[in-house]
Amino acid sequence: MAALVLRPGCRLDGPALYGHLEQLLPPYARPRFLRLQERLEMTETFKQQKARLAREGCDPARVPEPLFLLDEAAGAYVPLGPALWERVLDGRLRI
């Protein structure tokens, strides 16, 4: 998973981001999940607080921020909602 902070007024373009990462990264290095945040949480020594993000995971029921899933068949990052998450958990959708 990767946590992203978008510039004010911008929105995530799933197909464009997928195309960009496809050119830059090999398949194993592309994040399967994206999490959009208002800002990155930092410690007093300016390190990212990754432990909280790891604890919350990528369950849309537990994460308040928007989540996206890498859909290689569609060639895009698509919104991850409860129905799609259930397909991932059931194994009907392979990541």
C-alpha atoms as a PDB file:
ATOM      1  CA  MET A   1       0.000   0.000   0.000  1.00  0.00           C
ATOM      2  CA  ALA A   2       1.040   3.558  -0.656  1.00  0.00           C
ATOM      3  CA  ALA A   3      -0.377   6.612   1.081  1.00  0.00           C
ATOM      4  CA  LEU A   4      -0.826   9.660  -1.149  1.00  0.00           C
ATOM      5  CA  VAL A   5      -1.554  13.304  -0.467  1.00  0.00           C
ATOM      6  CA  LEU A   6      -2.999  15.109  -3.467  1.00  0.00           C
ATOM      7  CA  ARG A   7      -2.559  18.790  -4.158  1.00  0.00           C
ATOM      8  CA  PRO A   8      -5.608  20.902  -3.264  1.00  0.00           C
ATOM      9  CA  GLY A   9      -8.225  20.779  -6.000  1.00  0.00           C
ATOM     10  CA  CYS A  10      -6.719  17.674  -7.650  1.00  0.00           C
ATOM     11  CA  ARG A  11      -8.273  14.236  -7.859  1.00  0.00           C
ATOM     12  CA  LEU A  12      -6.798  10.809  -8.513  1.00  0.00           C
ATOM     13  CA  ASP A  13      -6.832   9.733 -12.158  1.00  0.00           C
ATOM     14  CA  GLY A  14      -6.668   5.930 -11.819  1.00  0.00           C
ATOM     15  CA  PRO A  15      -5.910   5.067 -15.464  1.00  0.00           C
ATOM     16  CA  ALA A  16      -3.258   7.789 -15.817  1.00  0.00           C
ATOM     17  CA  LEU A  17      -1.517   6.788 -12.584  1.00  0.00           C
ATOM     18  CA  TYR A  18      -1.558   3.143 -13.640  1.00  0.00           C
ATOM     19  CA  GLY A  19       0.011   4.048 -17.006  1.00  0.00           C
ATOM     20  CA  HIS A  20       2.676   6.159 -15.325  1.00  0.00           C
ATOM     21  CA  LEU A  21       3.616   3.444 -12.829  1.00  0.00           C
ATOM     22  CA  GLU A  22       3.554   0.810 -15.562  1.00  0.00           C
ATOM     23  CA  GLN A  23       6.311   2.727 -17.366  1.00  0.00           C
ATOM     24  CA  LEU A  24       8.403   3.338 -14.241  1.00  0.00           C
ATOM     25  CA  LEU A  25       8.032   0.250 -12.058  1.00  0.00           C
ATOM     26  CA  PRO A  26       8.129  -3.491 -12.614  1.00  0.00           C
ATOM     27  CA  PRO A  27       4.875  -5.310 -11.759  1.00  0.00           C
ATOM     28  CA  TYR A  28       6.065  -6.541  -8.366  1.00  0.00           C
ATOM     29  CA  ALA A  29       6.920  -2.980  -7.236  1.00  0.00           C
ATOM     30  CA  ARG A  30       3.577  -1.353  -8.068  1.00  0.00           C
ATOM     31  CA  PRO A  31       1.423  -0.730  -4.986  1.00  0.00           C
ATOM     32  CA  ARG A  32      -1.673  -2.915  -4.959  1.00  0.00           C
ATOM     33  CA  PHE A  33      -3.543  -0.503  -2.700  1.00  0.00           C
ATOM     34  CA  LEU A  34      -3.576   3.297  -2.508  1.00  0.00           C
ATOM     35  CA  ARG A  35      -4.826   5.373   0.383  1.00  0.00           C
ATOM     36  CA  LEU A  36      -5.620   9.049  -0.115  1.00  0.00           C
ATOM     37  CA  GLN A  37      -4.959  11.261   2.883  1.00  0.00           C
ATOM     38  CA  GLU A  38      -5.402  14.938   3.733  1.00  0.00           C
ATOM     39  CA  ARG A  39      -1.873  15.028   5.144  1.00  0.00           C
ATOM     40  CA  LEU A  40       0.832  12.618   6.255  1.00  0.00           C
ATOM     41  CA  GLU A  41       1.028  11.997   9.991  1.00  0.00           C
ATOM     42  CA  MET A  42       4.530  12.696  11.293  1.00  0.00           C
ATOM     43  CA  THR A  43       6.383  11.991  14.535  1.00  0.00           C
ATOM     44  CA  GLU A  44       8.227  14.636  16.525  1.00  0.00           C
ATOM     45  CA  THR A  45      11.377  13.766  14.540  1.00  0.00           C
ATOM     46  CA  PHE A  46       9.583  14.164  11.174  1.00  0.00           C
ATOM     47  CA  LYS A  47       9.241  10.463  10.386  1.00  0.00           C
ATOM     48  CA  GLN A  48       6.060   9.090   8.874  1.00  0.00           C
ATOM     49  CA  GLN A  49       3.765   7.258  11.300  1.00  0.00           C
ATOM     50  CA  LYS A  50       3.484   4.045   9.330  1.00  0.00           C
ATOM     51  CA  ALA A  51       2.541   1.812  12.272  1.00  0.00           C
ATOM     52  CA  ARG A  52      -1.007   3.215  12.457  1.00  0.00           C
ATOM     53  CA  LEU A  53      -1.466   2.795   8.712  1.00  0.00           C
ATOM     54  CA  ALA A  54      -0.251  -0.800   8.908  1.00  0.00           C
ATOM     55  CA  ARG A  55      -2.589  -1.548  11.844  1.00  0.00           C
ATOM     56  CA  GLU A  56      -5.621  -0.196   9.994  1.00  0.00           C
ATOM     57  CA  GLY A  57      -4.746  -2.156   6.857  1.00  0.00           C
ATOM     58  CA  CYS A  58      -6.913  -1.785   3.774  1.00  0.00           C
ATOM     59  CA  ASP A  59     -10.368  -2.771   4.984  1.00  0.00           C
ATOM     60  CA  PRO A  60     -12.763  -0.047   3.758  1.00  0.00           C
ATOM     61  CA  ALA A  61     -14.900  -0.551   6.877  1.00  0.00           C
ATOM     62  CA  ARG A  62     -11.959   0.411   9.137  1.00  0.00           C
ATOM     63  CA  VAL A  63     -10.223   3.076   7.053  1.00  0.00           C
ATOM     64  CA  PRO A  64     -11.864   6.509   6.925  1.00  0.00           C
ATOM     65  CA  GLU A  65      -9.882   7.732   3.887  1.00  0.00           C
ATOM     66  CA  PRO A  66     -10.595   6.762   0.264  1.00  0.00           C
ATOM     67  CA  LEU A  67      -8.924   3.524  -0.841  1.00  0.00           C
ATOM     68  CA  PHE A  68      -8.077   2.342  -4.346  1.00  0.00           C
ATOM     69  CA  LEU A  69      -7.148  -1.079  -5.690  1.00  0.00           C
ATOM     70  CA  LEU A  70      -4.847  -1.859  -8.607  1.00  0.00           C
ATOM     71  CA  ASP A  71      -7.021  -3.470 -11.295  1.00  0.00           C
ATOM     72  CA  GLU A  72      -4.627  -4.793 -13.910  1.00  0.00           C
ATOM     73  CA  ALA A  73      -7.446  -6.042 -16.138  1.00  0.00           C
ATOM     74  CA  ALA A  74      -8.897  -2.521 -16.337  1.00  0.00           C
ATOM     75  CA  GLY A  75      -5.464  -0.883 -16.415  1.00  0.00           C
ATOM     76  CA  ALA A  76      -6.378   1.507 -13.617  1.00  0.00           C
ATOM     77  CA  TYR A  77      -6.627   2.100  -9.913  1.00  0.00           C
ATOM     78  CA  VAL A  78     -10.300   1.686  -8.997  1.00  0.00           C
ATOM     79  CA  PRO A  79     -12.147   2.737  -5.810  1.00  0.00           C
ATOM     80  CA  LEU A  80     -12.090   0.000  -3.184  1.00  0.00           C
ATOM     81  CA  GLY A  81     -15.500  -0.369  -1.567  1.00  0.00           C
ATOM     82  CA  PRO A  82     -17.002  -3.067   0.644  1.00  0.00           C
ATOM     83  CA  ALA A  83     -18.211  -5.220  -2.286  1.00  0.00           C
ATOM     84  CA  LEU A  84     -14.829  -5.234  -4.007  1.00  0.00           C
ATOM     85  CA  TRP A  85     -13.065  -5.862  -0.683  1.00  0.00           C
ATOM     86  CA  GLU A  86     -15.332  -8.874  -0.096  1.00  0.00           C
ATOM     87  CA  ARG A  87     -14.277 -10.280  -3.485  1.00  0.00           C
ATOM     88  CA  VAL A  88     -10.621  -9.877  -2.465  1.00  0.00           C
ATOM     89  CA  LEU A  89     -11.229 -11.657   0.864  1.00  0.00           C
ATOM     90  CA  ASP A  90     -13.169 -14.483  -0.802  1.00  0.00           C
ATOM     91  CA  GLY A  91     -10.390 -15.024  -3.319  1.00  0.00           C
ATOM     92  CA  ARG A  92     -12.695 -14.250  -6.245  1.00  0.00           C
ATOM     93  CA  LEU A  93     -10.451 -11.301  -7.107  1.00  0.00           C
ATOM     94  CA  ARG A  94      -6.753 -12.042  -7.120  1.00  0.00           C
ATOM     95  CA  ILE A  95      -4.349  -9.278  -6.284  1.00  0.00           C
END
